PDB file of N, CA and C in Angstrom:
ATOM      1  N   MET A   1      24.863  39.182  10.946  1.00  0.00           N
ATOM      2  CA  MET A   1      24.218  38.028  12.115  1.00  0.00           C
ATOM      3  C   MET A   1      23.341  37.646  11.082  1.00  0.00           C
ATOM      4  N   LYS A   2      21.554  38.485  11.306  1.00  0.00           N
ATOM      5  CA  LYS A   2      20.982  37.588  10.222  1.00  0.00           C
ATOM      6  C   LYS A   2      20.694  37.244   8.943  1.00  0.00           C
ATOM      7  N   LYS A   3      21.889  37.778   8.399  1.00  0.00           N
ATOM      8  CA  LYS A   3      21.902  37.182   7.237  1.00  0.00           C
ATOM      9  C   LYS A   3      23.010  35.581   7.028  1.00  0.00           C
ATOM     10  N   TRP A   4      23.510  35.916   8.106  1.00  0.00           N
ATOM     11  CA  TRP A   4      23.723  34.621   8.047  1.00  0.00           C
ATOM     12  C   TRP A   4      22.781  33.179   8.863  1.00  0.00           C
ATOM     13  N   ILE A   5      21.966  33.510   9.284  1.00  0.00           N
ATOM     14  CA  ILE A   5      20.783  32.687   9.739  1.00  0.00           C
ATOM     15  C   ILE A   5      19.927  32.786   8.734  1.00  0.00           C
ATOM     16  N   PHE A   6      19.724  33.799   7.890  1.00  0.00           N
ATOM     17  CA  PHE A   6      18.935  33.412   6.829  1.00  0.00           C
ATOM     18  C   PHE A   6      19.359  32.373   5.898  1.00  0.00           C
ATOM     19  N   ILE A   7      20.876  32.132   5.558  1.00  0.00           N
ATOM     20  CA  ILE A   7      21.464  31.415   4.698  1.00  0.00           C
ATOM     21  C   ILE A   7      21.062  29.836   5.280  1.00  0.00           C
ATOM     22  N   ILE A   8      22.196  29.904   6.513  1.00  0.00           N
ATOM     23  CA  ILE A   8      21.806  28.853   7.346  1.00  0.00           C
ATOM     24  C   ILE A   8      20.743  28.119   7.199  1.00  0.00           C
ATOM     25  N   SER A   9      19.585  28.593   8.062  1.00  0.00           N
ATOM     26  CA  SER A   9      17.769  28.485   7.161  1.00  0.00           C
ATOM     27  C   SER A   9      17.690  27.697   5.841  1.00  0.00           C
ATOM     28  N   ILE A  10      17.826  28.756   4.655  1.00  0.00           N
ATOM     29  CA  ILE A  10      17.998  28.234   3.350  1.00  0.00           C
ATOM     30  C   ILE A  10      18.640  27.162   3.180  1.00  0.00           C
ATOM     31  N   ALA A  11      19.607  26.513   4.094  1.00  0.00           N
ATOM     32  CA  ALA A  11      20.716  25.725   3.688  1.00  0.00           C
ATOM     33  C   ALA A  11      19.944  24.423   4.398  1.00  0.00           C
ATOM     34  N   PHE A  12      19.953  24.328   5.403  1.00  0.00           N
ATOM     35  CA  PHE A  12      18.863  23.371   6.287  1.00  0.00           C
ATOM     36  C   PHE A  12      17.389  22.895   5.396  1.00  0.00           C
ATOM     37  N   ASN A  13      16.443  24.153   4.837  1.00  0.00           N
ATOM     38  CA  ASN A  13      15.807  23.797   3.673  1.00  0.00           C
ATOM     39  C   ASN A  13      15.797  22.816   2.917  1.00  0.00           C
ATOM     40  N   VAL A  14      16.972  23.424   2.329  1.00  0.00           N
ATOM     41  CA  VAL A  14      17.322  22.616   1.154  1.00  0.00           C
ATOM     42  C   VAL A  14      17.732  21.500   1.241  1.00  0.00           C
ATOM     43  N   ILE A  15      18.593  21.045   2.226  1.00  0.00           N
ATOM     44  CA  ILE A  15      18.865  19.473   2.969  1.00  0.00           C
ATOM     45  C   ILE A  15      17.214  18.638   3.245  1.00  0.00           C
ATOM     46  N   PHE A  16      16.572  19.138   4.267  1.00  0.00           N
ATOM     47  CA  PHE A  16      15.343  18.749   4.171  1.00  0.00           C
ATOM     48  C   PHE A  16      14.810  18.173   2.739  1.00  0.00           C
ATOM     49  N   LEU A  17      14.761  19.161   1.780  1.00  0.00           N
ATOM     50  CA  LEU A  17      13.852  18.834   0.461  1.00  0.00           C
ATOM     51  C   LEU A  17      14.718  17.489  -0.267  1.00  0.00           C
ATOM     52  N   ILE A  18      15.961  17.532   0.034  1.00  0.00           N
ATOM     53  CA  ILE A  18      16.647  16.486  -0.921  1.00  0.00           C
ATOM     54  C   ILE A  18      16.149  15.558  -0.373  1.00  0.00           C
ATOM     55  N   GLY A  19      16.621  15.620   1.311  1.00  0.00           N
ATOM     56  CA  GLY A  19      15.927  13.945   1.967  1.00  0.00           C
ATOM     57  C   GLY A  19      14.462  13.560   1.944  1.00  0.00           C
ATOM     58  N   TRP A  20      13.847  14.272   2.105  1.00  0.00           N
ATOM     59  CA  TRP A  20      12.290  13.954   1.839  1.00  0.00           C
ATOM     60  C   TRP A  20      11.979  13.464   0.608  1.00  0.00           C
ATOM     61  N   GLY A  21      12.562  14.528  -0.500  1.00  0.00           N
ATOM     62  CA  GLY A  21      12.452  13.774  -1.980  1.00  0.00           C
ATOM     63  C   GLY A  21      13.103  12.387  -2.020  1.00  0.00           C
ATOM     64  N   LEU A  22      14.252  11.932  -1.743  1.00  0.00           N
ATOM     65  CA  LEU A  22      14.529  10.891  -1.804  1.00  0.00           C
ATOM     66  C   LEU A  22      13.961   9.773  -1.248  1.00  0.00           C
ATOM     67  N   SER A  23      13.699   9.870   0.255  1.00  0.00           N
ATOM     68  CA  SER A  23      12.591   8.775   0.947  1.00  0.00           C
ATOM     69  C   SER A  23      11.808   9.114   0.290  1.00  0.00           C
ATOM     70  N   SER A  24      10.828   9.684  -0.562  1.00  0.00           N
ATOM     71  CA  SER A  24       9.538   9.333  -1.130  1.00  0.00           C
ATOM     72  C   SER A  24       9.682   8.766  -2.003  1.00  0.00           C
ATOM     73  N   LEU A  25      10.910   8.605  -2.680  1.00  0.00           N
ATOM     74  CA  LEU A  25      10.712   8.323  -4.607  1.00  0.00           C
ATOM     75  C   LEU A  25      11.423   6.306  -3.877  1.00  0.00           C
ATOM     76  N   ASN A  26      11.721   6.467  -2.806  1.00  0.00           N
ATOM     77  CA  ASN A  26      12.278   4.873  -2.349  1.00  0.00           C
ATOM     78  C   ASN A  26      11.306   4.169  -1.642  1.00  0.00           C
ATOM     79  N   GLU A  27      10.704   4.487  -0.946  1.00  0.00           N
ATOM     80  CA  GLU A  27       9.566   4.200  -0.566  1.00  0.00           C
ATOM     81  C   GLU A  27       8.900   3.081  -0.954  1.00  0.00           C
ATOM     82  N   PRO A  28       7.841   1.715  -0.612  1.00  0.00           N
ATOM     83  CA  PRO A  28       7.248   1.310  -1.204  1.00  0.00           C
ATOM     84  C   PRO A  28       5.809   2.617  -1.633  1.00  0.00           C
ATOM     85  N   SER A  29       5.046   2.031  -2.488  1.00  0.00           N
ATOM     86  CA  SER A  29       3.994   2.837  -3.095  1.00  0.00           C
ATOM     87  C   SER A  29       2.389   2.096  -2.303  1.00  0.00           C
ATOM     88  N   TYR A  30       2.505   1.102  -1.541  1.00  0.00           N
ATOM     89  CA  TYR A  30       1.432   0.834  -1.121  1.00  0.00           C
ATOM     90  C   TYR A  30      -0.083   0.920  -1.817  1.00  0.00           C
ATOM     91  N   LYS A  31       0.129   0.702  -2.906  1.00  0.00           N
ATOM     92  CA  LYS A  31      -1.300   0.080  -4.010  1.00  0.00           C
ATOM     93  C   LYS A  31      -2.005  -0.981  -3.426  1.00  0.00           C
ATOM     94  N   LEU A  32      -3.127  -0.659  -3.922  1.00  0.00           N
ATOM     95  CA  LEU A  32      -3.777  -1.889  -2.944  1.00  0.00           C
ATOM     96  C   LEU A  32      -3.858  -2.653  -4.419  1.00  0.00           C
ATOM     97  N   GLY A  33      -3.740  -3.942  -4.231  1.00  0.00           N
ATOM     98  CA  GLY A  33      -4.373  -5.331  -5.532  1.00  0.00           C
ATOM     99  C   GLY A  33      -4.513  -6.489  -4.987  1.00  0.00           C
ATOM    100  N   ARG A  34      -5.365  -7.248  -5.954  1.00  0.00           N
ATOM    101  CA  ARG A  34      -5.673  -8.532  -5.576  1.00  0.00           C
ATOM    102  C   ARG A  34      -4.920  -9.996  -6.431  1.00  0.00           C
ATOM    103  N   LEU A  35      -4.522 -10.688  -5.361  1.00  0.00           N
ATOM    104  CA  LEU A  35      -3.899 -12.226  -6.109  1.00  0.00           C
ATOM    105  C   LEU A  35      -4.527 -12.454  -7.195  1.00  0.00           C
ATOM    106  N   GLU A  36      -4.126 -12.666  -8.180  1.00  0.00           N
ATOM    107  CA  GLU A  36      -4.580 -13.246  -9.274  1.00  0.00           C
ATOM    108  C   GLU A  36      -4.488 -14.875  -9.562  1.00  0.00           C
ATOM    109  N   LYS A  37      -3.834 -15.357  -8.474  1.00  0.00           N
ATOM    110  CA  LYS A  37      -3.220 -16.799  -8.534  1.00  0.00           C
ATOM    111  C   LYS A  37      -3.574 -16.965  -7.171  1.00  0.00           C
ATOM    112  N   ASN A  38      -3.789 -18.568  -7.332  1.00  0.00           N
ATOM    113  CA  ASN A  38      -3.735 -19.642  -5.461  1.00  0.00           C
ATOM    114  C   ASN A  38      -2.491 -19.155  -5.143  1.00  0.00           C
ATOM    115  N   ILE A  39      -1.806 -18.784  -4.190  1.00  0.00           N
ATOM    116  CA  ILE A  39      -0.336 -19.058  -3.994  1.00  0.00           C
ATOM    117  C   ILE A  39       0.481 -20.128  -2.606  1.00  0.00           C
ATOM    118  N   THR A  40       1.127 -20.988  -3.117  1.00  0.00           N
ATOM    119  CA  THR A  40       1.700 -21.769  -2.217  1.00  0.00           C
ATOM    120  C   THR A  40       2.727 -21.081  -1.046  1.00  0.00           C
ATOM    121  N   VAL A  41       2.226 -20.998   0.333  1.00  0.00           N
ATOM    122  CA  VAL A  41       3.147 -20.547   0.881  1.00  0.00           C
ATOM    123  C   VAL A  41       4.488 -21.360   1.724  1.00  0.00           C
ATOM    124  N   GLY A  42       5.609 -20.579   2.280  1.00  0.00           N
ATOM    125  CA  GLY A  42       6.563 -21.690   2.347  1.00  0.00           C
ATOM    126  C   GLY A  42       7.669 -20.669   3.518  1.00  0.00           C
ATOM    127  N   HIS A  43       8.168 -21.282   4.558  1.00  0.00           N
ATOM    128  CA  HIS A  43       9.580 -20.420   4.807  1.00  0.00           C
ATOM    129  C   HIS A  43      10.377 -20.011   3.932  1.00  0.00           C
ATOM    130  N   PHE A  44      11.197 -18.899   3.698  1.00  0.00           N
ATOM    131  CA  PHE A  44      11.989 -18.428   2.756  1.00  0.00           C
ATOM    132  C   PHE A  44      13.236 -19.638   2.932  1.00  0.00           C
ATOM    133  N   MET A  45      13.436 -20.032   1.806  1.00  0.00           N
ATOM    134  CA  MET A  45      14.828 -21.243   2.438  1.00  0.00           C
ATOM    135  C   MET A  45      14.249 -22.768   2.907  1.00  0.00           C
ATOM    136  N   GLY A  46      12.777 -22.341   2.926  1.00  0.00           N
ATOM    137  CA  GLY A  46      12.452 -24.013   3.363  1.00  0.00           C
ATOM    138  C   GLY A  46      12.251 -24.991   2.936  1.00  0.00           C
ATOM    139  N   ASP A  47      11.850 -26.309   3.147  1.00  0.00           N
ATOM    140  CA  ASP A  47      11.303 -27.432   2.012  1.00  0.00           C
ATOM    141  C   ASP A  47       9.891 -27.747   1.978  1.00  0.00           C
ATOM    142  N   SER A  48       9.252 -27.160   3.246  1.00  0.00           N
ATOM    143  CA  SER A  48       7.921 -27.331   3.325  1.00  0.00           C
ATOM    144  C   SER A  48       6.454 -26.838   3.310  1.00  0.00           C
ATOM    145  N   THR A  49       5.145 -26.764   2.756  1.00  0.00           N
ATOM    146  CA  THR A  49       4.706 -26.019   2.834  1.00  0.00           C
ATOM    147  C   THR A  49       3.947 -25.371   4.157  1.00  0.00           C
ATOM    148  N   LEU A  50       3.386 -23.930   4.860  1.00  0.00           N
ATOM    149  CA  LEU A  50       2.919 -23.648   5.337  1.00  0.00           C
ATOM    150  C   LEU A  50       1.465 -23.215   5.526  1.00  0.00           C
ATOM    151  N   PHE A  51       1.010 -22.916   4.013  1.00  0.00           N
ATOM    152  CA  PHE A  51      -0.248 -22.780   3.928  1.00  0.00           C
ATOM    153  C   PHE A  51      -0.514 -21.801   2.713  1.00  0.00           C
ATOM    154  N   THR A  52      -2.026 -21.673   2.123  1.00  0.00           N
ATOM    155  CA  THR A  52      -2.005 -21.631   0.806  1.00  0.00           C
ATOM    156  C   THR A  52      -3.010 -20.366   0.584  1.00  0.00           C
ATOM    157  N   LEU A  53      -2.428 -19.192   0.066  1.00  0.00           N
ATOM    158  CA  LEU A  53      -3.328 -17.816  -0.129  1.00  0.00           C
ATOM    159  C   LEU A  53      -4.417 -18.031  -1.021  1.00  0.00           C
ATOM    160  N   PRO A  54      -5.624 -17.929  -1.059  1.00  0.00           N
ATOM    161  CA  PRO A  54      -6.547 -18.120  -1.962  1.00  0.00           C
ATOM    162  C   PRO A  54      -6.689 -16.773  -3.043  1.00  0.00           C
ATOM    163  N   LYS A  55      -6.887 -16.951  -4.274  1.00  0.00           N
ATOM    164  CA  LYS A  55      -6.947 -16.157  -5.540  1.00  0.00           C
ATOM    165  C   LYS A  55      -7.988 -14.863  -5.264  1.00  0.00           C
ATOM    166  N   GLY A  56      -7.745 -13.783  -5.364  1.00  0.00           N
ATOM    167  CA  GLY A  56      -8.826 -12.891  -5.180  1.00  0.00           C
ATOM    168  C   GLY A  56      -8.624 -12.429  -3.744  1.00  0.00           C
ATOM    169  N   LEU A  57      -7.717 -12.536  -3.083  1.00  0.00           N
ATOM    170  CA  LEU A  57      -7.381 -11.900  -1.841  1.00  0.00           C
ATOM    171  C   LEU A  57      -6.693 -10.663  -1.553  1.00  0.00           C
ATOM    172  N   THR A  58      -7.179  -9.828  -0.970  1.00  0.00           N
ATOM    173  CA  THR A  58      -6.506  -8.265  -1.386  1.00  0.00           C
ATOM    174  C   THR A  58      -5.315  -7.773  -0.396  1.00  0.00           C
ATOM    175  N   VAL A  59      -4.349  -7.533  -1.426  1.00  0.00           N
ATOM    176  CA  VAL A  59      -2.687  -7.235  -0.430  1.00  0.00           C
ATOM    177  C   VAL A  59      -2.546  -5.751  -0.698  1.00  0.00           C
ATOM    178  N   ARG A  60      -1.714  -5.694  -0.325  1.00  0.00           N
ATOM    179  CA  ARG A  60      -1.025  -4.033  -0.447  1.00  0.00           C
ATOM    180  C   ARG A  60       0.530  -4.206  -0.466  1.00  0.00           C
ATOM    181  N   ASN A  61       0.848  -3.231  -1.654  1.00  0.00           N
ATOM    182  CA  ASN A  61       2.310  -3.576  -2.302  1.00  0.00           C
ATOM    183  C   ASN A  61       3.114  -2.884  -1.092  1.00  0.00           C
ATOM    184  N   SER A  62       4.216  -3.646  -0.766  1.00  0.00           N
ATOM    185  CA  SER A  62       5.312  -2.951   0.206  1.00  0.00           C
ATOM    186  C   SER A  62       7.014  -3.451  -0.691  1.00  0.00           C
ATOM    187  N   SER A  63       7.055  -3.000  -1.958  1.00  0.00           N
ATOM    188  CA  SER A  63       8.265  -3.417  -2.696  1.00  0.00           C
ATOM    189  C   SER A  63       9.030  -2.381  -2.609  1.00  0.00           C
ATOM    190  N   GLU A  64       9.811  -2.155  -2.095  1.00  0.00           N
ATOM    191  CA  GLU A  64      11.126  -1.163  -1.921  1.00  0.00           C
ATOM    192  C   GLU A  64      11.547  -0.507  -3.488  1.00  0.00           C
ATOM    193  N   ARG A  65      11.534   0.834  -3.370  1.00  0.00           N
ATOM    194  CA  ARG A  65      11.959   1.171  -4.742  1.00  0.00           C
ATOM    195  C   ARG A  65      13.114   1.828  -5.295  1.00  0.00           C
ATOM    196  N   GLY A  66      13.376   2.399  -6.214  1.00  0.00           N
ATOM    197  CA  GLY A  66      14.450   3.004  -6.200  1.00  0.00           C
ATOM    198  C   GLY A  66      16.158   2.482  -5.463  1.00  0.00           C
ATOM    199  N   LEU A  67      17.037   3.388  -4.888  1.00  0.00           N
ATOM    200  CA  LEU A  67      18.106   3.187  -4.255  1.00  0.00           C
ATOM    201  C   LEU A  67      17.386   2.016  -3.262  1.00  0.00           C
ATOM    202  N   SER A  68      16.631   1.895  -2.284  1.00  0.00           N
ATOM    203  CA  SER A  68      15.742   0.859  -1.338  1.00  0.00           C
ATOM    204  C   SER A  68      16.063  -0.519  -2.008  1.00  0.00           C
ATOM    205  N   ALA A  69      15.707  -0.741  -3.243  1.00  0.00           N
ATOM    206  CA  ALA A  69      15.840  -2.026  -3.893  1.00  0.00           C
ATOM    207  C   ALA A  69      16.832  -2.766  -4.029  1.00  0.00           C
ATOM    208  N   ILE A  70      18.137  -2.247  -4.071  1.00  0.00           N
ATOM    209  CA  ILE A  70      19.230  -2.523  -4.397  1.00  0.00           C
ATOM    210  C   ILE A  70      20.009  -3.368  -3.451  1.00  0.00           C
ATOM    211  N   GLY A  71      19.980  -4.933  -4.157  1.00  0.00           N
ATOM    212  CA  GLY A  71      20.279  -5.884  -3.423  1.00  0.00           C
ATOM    213  C   GLY A  71      19.163  -6.490  -2.538  1.00  0.00           C
ATOM    214  N   GLN A  72      17.816  -6.669  -2.904  1.00  0.00           N
ATOM    215  CA  GLN A  72      17.101  -6.856  -2.244  1.00  0.00           C
ATOM    216  C   GLN A  72      16.388  -8.266  -2.957  1.00  0.00           C
ATOM    217  N   PHE A  73      16.423  -9.469  -1.907  1.00  0.00           N
ATOM    218  CA  PHE A  73      15.680 -10.595  -2.940  1.00  0.00           C
ATOM    219  C   PHE A  73      13.942 -10.757  -3.131  1.00  0.00           C
ATOM    220  N   GLU A  74      14.045 -11.268  -4.033  1.00  0.00           N
ATOM    221  CA  GLU A  74      12.544 -11.450  -4.437  1.00  0.00           C
ATOM    222  C   GLU A  74      11.857  -9.887  -4.156  1.00  0.00           C
ATOM    223  N   ASN A  75      11.857  -8.908  -4.713  1.00  0.00           N
ATOM    224  CA  ASN A  75      11.721  -7.795  -4.854  1.00  0.00           C
ATOM    225  C   ASN A  75      10.052  -7.931  -4.867  1.00  0.00           C
ATOM    226  N   GLU A  76       9.495  -8.795  -5.530  1.00  0.00           N
ATOM    227  CA  GLU A  76       7.904  -8.366  -5.334  1.00  0.00           C
ATOM    228  C   GLU A  76       7.148  -8.628  -4.024  1.00  0.00           C
ATOM    229  N   ARG A  77       7.095  -7.910  -3.377  1.00  0.00           N
ATOM    230  CA  ARG A  77       6.730  -8.059  -1.656  1.00  0.00           C
ATOM    231  C   ARG A  77       4.990  -7.461  -1.830  1.00  0.00           C
ATOM    232  N   PHE A  78       4.521  -7.923  -0.650  1.00  0.00           N
ATOM    233  CA  PHE A  78       3.140  -7.664  -0.772  1.00  0.00           C
ATOM    234  C   PHE A  78       2.915  -7.987   0.663  1.00  0.00           C
ATOM    235  N   GLN A  79       1.963  -7.240   1.523  1.00  0.00           N
ATOM    236  CA  GLN A  79       1.354  -7.439   2.842  1.00  0.00           C
ATOM    237  C   GLN A  79       0.210  -7.926   2.918  1.00  0.00           C
ATOM    238  N   ILE A  80      -0.043  -8.592   4.414  1.00  0.00           N
ATOM    239  CA  ILE A  80      -1.378  -8.755   4.544  1.00  0.00           C
ATOM    240  C   ILE A  80      -1.164  -8.828   6.002  1.00  0.00           C
ATOM    241  N   VAL A  81      -2.334  -7.490   6.362  1.00  0.00           N
ATOM    242  CA  VAL A  81      -2.536  -6.658   7.562  1.00  0.00           C
ATOM    243  C   VAL A  81      -3.674  -8.154   8.461  1.00  0.00           C
ATOM    244  N   ILE A  82      -3.306  -8.783   8.989  1.00  0.00           N
ATOM    245  CA  ILE A  82      -4.334  -9.610  10.004  1.00  0.00           C
ATOM    246  C   ILE A  82      -4.573  -8.887  11.820  1.00  0.00           C
ATOM    247  N   THR A  83      -5.531  -8.381  11.812  1.00  0.00           N
ATOM    248  CA  THR A  83      -6.011  -7.714  13.064  1.00  0.00           C
ATOM    249  C   THR A  83      -6.454  -8.921  14.223  1.00  0.00           C
ATOM    250  N   SER A  84      -6.144  -8.023  15.495  1.00  0.00           N
ATOM    251  CA  SER A  84      -7.394  -8.749  16.680  1.00  0.00           C
ATOM    252  C   SER A  84      -7.033  -8.415  18.040  1.00  0.00           C
ATOM    253  N   ASP A  85      -8.051  -8.378  18.706  1.00  0.00           N
ATOM    254  CA  ASP A  85      -8.271  -7.817  19.734  1.00  0.00           C
ATOM    255  C   ASP A  85      -7.275  -8.750  21.078  1.00  0.00           C
ATOM    256  N   ASP A  86      -7.374 -10.251  20.924  1.00  0.00           N
ATOM    257  CA  ASP A  86      -6.220 -10.914  21.649  1.00  0.00           C
ATOM    258  C   ASP A  86      -5.225 -10.593  21.714  1.00  0.00           C
ATOM    259  N   TRP A  87      -4.841  -9.473  23.272  1.00  0.00           N
ATOM    260  CA  TRP A  87      -3.332  -9.227  23.705  1.00  0.00           C
ATOM    261  C   TRP A  87      -2.695 -10.980  23.758  1.00  0.00           C
ATOM    262  N   ASP A  88      -3.009 -11.976  23.800  1.00  0.00           N
ATOM    263  CA  ASP A  88      -2.207 -12.568  24.127  1.00  0.00           C
ATOM    264  C   ASP A  88      -1.896 -13.697  22.585  1.00  0.00           C
ATOM    265  N   LEU A  89      -2.247 -13.092  21.852  1.00  0.00           N
ATOM    266  CA  LEU A  89      -2.132 -14.184  20.477  1.00  0.00           C
ATOM    267  C   LEU A  89      -0.451 -14.219  20.185  1.00  0.00           C
ATOM    268  N   ILE A  90       0.288 -13.430  20.256  1.00  0.00           N
ATOM    269  CA  ILE A  90       1.293 -13.331  20.004  1.00  0.00           C
ATOM    270  C   ILE A  90       2.085 -12.957  20.949  1.00  0.00           C
ATOM    271  N   SER A  91       3.556 -13.296  21.462  1.00  0.00           N
ATOM    272  CA  SER A  91       4.489 -13.248  22.644  1.00  0.00           C
ATOM    273  C   SER A  91       5.541 -12.782  21.783  1.00  0.00           C
ATOM    274  N   TYR A  92       6.018 -11.276  22.344  1.00  0.00           N
ATOM    275  CA  TYR A  92       6.934 -10.744  21.545  1.00  0.00           C
ATOM    276  C   TYR A  92       8.554 -10.501  22.547  1.00  0.00           C
ATOM    277  N   ASP A  93       8.325 -11.577  23.872  1.00  0.00           N
ATOM    278  CA  ASP A  93       9.150 -11.507  25.023  1.00  0.00           C
ATOM    279  C   ASP A  93      10.176 -13.102  24.782  1.00  0.00           C
ATOM    280  N   ILE A  94      10.598 -13.154  23.423  1.00  0.00           N
ATOM    281  CA  ILE A  94      10.997 -14.237  23.288  1.00  0.00           C
ATOM    282  C   ILE A  94      12.108 -14.512  22.685  1.00  0.00           C
ATOM    283  N   PRO A  95      13.665 -14.963  23.325  1.00  0.00           N
ATOM    284  CA  PRO A  95      14.825 -14.906  23.103  1.00  0.00           C
ATOM    285  C   PRO A  95      15.481 -14.434  21.304  1.00  0.00           C
ATOM    286  N   LYS A  96      15.815 -13.659  20.965  1.00  0.00           N
ATOM    287  CA  LYS A  96      16.132 -13.911  19.791  1.00  0.00           C
ATOM    288  C   LYS A  96      17.079 -15.276  19.173  1.00  0.00           C
ATOM    289  N   ASP A  97      17.307 -15.880  19.632  1.00  0.00           N
ATOM    290  CA  ASP A  97      18.288 -17.094  19.359  1.00  0.00           C
ATOM    291  C   ASP A  97      17.534 -18.286  19.028  1.00  0.00           C
ATOM    292  N   SER A  98      16.069 -17.954  19.253  1.00  0.00           N
ATOM    293  CA  SER A  98      14.960 -19.298  19.365  1.00  0.00           C
ATOM    294  C   SER A  98      14.087 -19.351  18.101  1.00  0.00           C
ATOM    295  N   LEU A  99      14.441 -17.633  17.188  1.00  0.00           N
ATOM    296  CA  LEU A  99      13.875 -17.037  15.628  1.00  0.00           C
ATOM    297  C   LEU A  99      14.897 -17.939  14.642  1.00  0.00           C
ATOM    298  N   ALA A 100      14.075 -17.915  13.523  1.00  0.00           N
ATOM    299  CA  ALA A 100      15.017 -18.770  12.355  1.00  0.00           C
ATOM    300  C   ALA A 100      15.623 -17.181  12.105  1.00  0.00           C
ATOM    301  N   THR A 101      16.957 -17.414  11.265  1.00  0.00           N
ATOM    302  CA  THR A 101      17.304 -16.170  10.674  1.00  0.00           C
ATOM    303  C   THR A 101      16.553 -15.514  10.133  1.00  0.00           C
ATOM    304  N   HIS A 102      15.935 -15.728   9.171  1.00  0.00           N
ATOM    305  CA  HIS A 102      14.649 -15.378   8.193  1.00  0.00           C
ATOM    306  C   HIS A 102      13.203 -15.971   8.553  1.00  0.00           C
ATOM    307  N   GLY A 103      13.020 -15.901   9.592  1.00  0.00           N
ATOM    308  CA  GLY A 103      11.868 -16.005  10.419  1.00  0.00           C
ATOM    309  C   GLY A 103      10.318 -15.550   9.886  1.00  0.00           C
ATOM    310  N   ASN A 104      10.511 -14.056   9.397  1.00  0.00           N
ATOM    311  CA  ASN A 104       9.563 -13.525   9.077  1.00  0.00           C
ATOM    312  C   ASN A 104       9.407 -13.422   7.749  1.00  0.00           C
ATOM    313  N   TYR A 105      10.190 -14.267   6.764  1.00  0.00           N
ATOM    314  CA  TYR A 105       9.980 -13.798   5.492  1.00  0.00           C
ATOM    315  C   TYR A 105       9.598 -15.293   4.859  1.00  0.00           C
ATOM    316  N   TYR A 106       8.456 -15.109   4.020  1.00  0.00           N
ATOM    317  CA  TYR A 106       7.949 -15.938   3.282  1.00  0.00           C
ATOM    318  C   TYR A 106       7.876 -16.011   2.360  1.00  0.00           C
ATOM    319  N   SER A 107       8.057 -17.247   1.542  1.00  0.00           N
ATOM    320  CA  SER A 107       8.243 -16.878  -0.652  1.00  0.00           C
ATOM    321  C   SER A 107       6.776 -17.420  -1.240  1.00  0.00           C
ATOM    322  N   ALA A 108       6.524 -16.733  -2.054  1.00  0.00           N
ATOM    323  CA  ALA A 108       5.372 -17.348  -2.474  1.00  0.00           C
ATOM    324  C   ALA A 108       6.065 -18.137  -3.792  1.00  0.00           C
ATOM    325  N   ASP A 109       7.408 -18.205  -4.287  1.00  0.00           N
ATOM    326  CA  ASP A 109       7.802 -18.990  -5.313  1.00  0.00           C
ATOM    327  C   ASP A 109       7.796 -20.130  -4.685  1.00  0.00           C
ATOM    328  N   PHE A 110       7.527 -20.680  -3.292  1.00  0.00           N
ATOM    329  CA  PHE A 110       7.874 -21.634  -2.712  1.00  0.00           C
ATOM    330  C   PHE A 110       7.916 -22.932  -3.568  1.00  0.00           C
ATOM    331  N   ASP A 111       7.064 -23.800  -4.482  1.00  0.00           N
ATOM    332  CA  ASP A 111       7.073 -24.401  -5.498  1.00  0.00           C
ATOM    333  C   ASP A 111       7.671 -24.835  -6.989  1.00  0.00           C
ATOM    334  N   ARG A 112       8.325 -23.232  -7.286  1.00  0.00           N
ATOM    335  CA  ARG A 112       9.018 -22.891  -8.348  1.00  0.00           C
ATOM    336  C   ARG A 112      10.738 -23.458  -7.770  1.00  0.00           C
ATOM    337  N   TYR A 113      10.725 -23.334  -6.809  1.00  0.00           N
ATOM    338  CA  TYR A 113      12.301 -23.581  -6.360  1.00  0.00           C
ATOM    339  C   TYR A 113      11.908 -24.892  -5.775  1.00  0.00           C
ATOM    340  N   ASN A 114      11.491 -25.473  -5.179  1.00  0.00           N
ATOM    341  CA  ASN A 114      11.537 -27.065  -5.053  1.00  0.00           C
ATOM    342  C   ASN A 114      11.431 -27.814  -5.956  1.00  0.00           C
ATOM    343  N   ASN A 115      10.718 -27.298  -7.069  1.00  0.00           N
ATOM    344  CA  ASN A 115      10.476 -27.968  -8.525  1.00  0.00           C
ATOM    345  C   ASN A 115      11.859 -28.144  -9.410  1.00  0.00           C
ATOM    346  N   GLN A 116      12.741 -27.041  -8.801  1.00  0.00           N
ATOM    347  CA  GLN A 116      14.010 -27.230  -9.801  1.00  0.00           C
ATOM    348  C   GLN A 116      15.259 -28.003  -8.986  1.00  0.00           C
ATOM    349  N   LYS A 117      15.009 -28.051  -7.633  1.00  0.00           N
ATOM    350  CA  LYS A 117      15.852 -28.553  -6.613  1.00  0.00           C
ATOM    351  C   LYS A 117      15.573 -30.576  -7.227  1.00  0.00           C
ATOM    352  N   GLU A 118      14.449 -30.846  -7.681  1.00  0.00           N
ATOM    353  CA  GLU A 118      14.273 -31.876  -7.915  1.00  0.00           C
ATOM    354  C   GLU A 118      14.997 -32.471  -9.381  1.00  0.00           C
TER     355      GLU A 118
END
């Protein structure tokens, strides 16, 4: 009986280590970096400019790596975290159908794709 419990324990530990290894190889590195040029940002698949991010802004890498990156569009991704103490700044209680399909995705290649259309 003790032998089986020991074997099962070893098997679960091996499975855990494999899962942990795969997840750590595929998750973003979250390294900090700095924007090297001004970026015009627009909605993904949109046709108008929303805002411009200035050169020198600190950003965090959020690009998936390994197997998680397969099939991901515009794989060079970064994050900017904006904080506030204002609870009423954002409403999360809105109907899903009022949101755009790719509503929280913004493209830094907006100008490049708009110039190719013309």
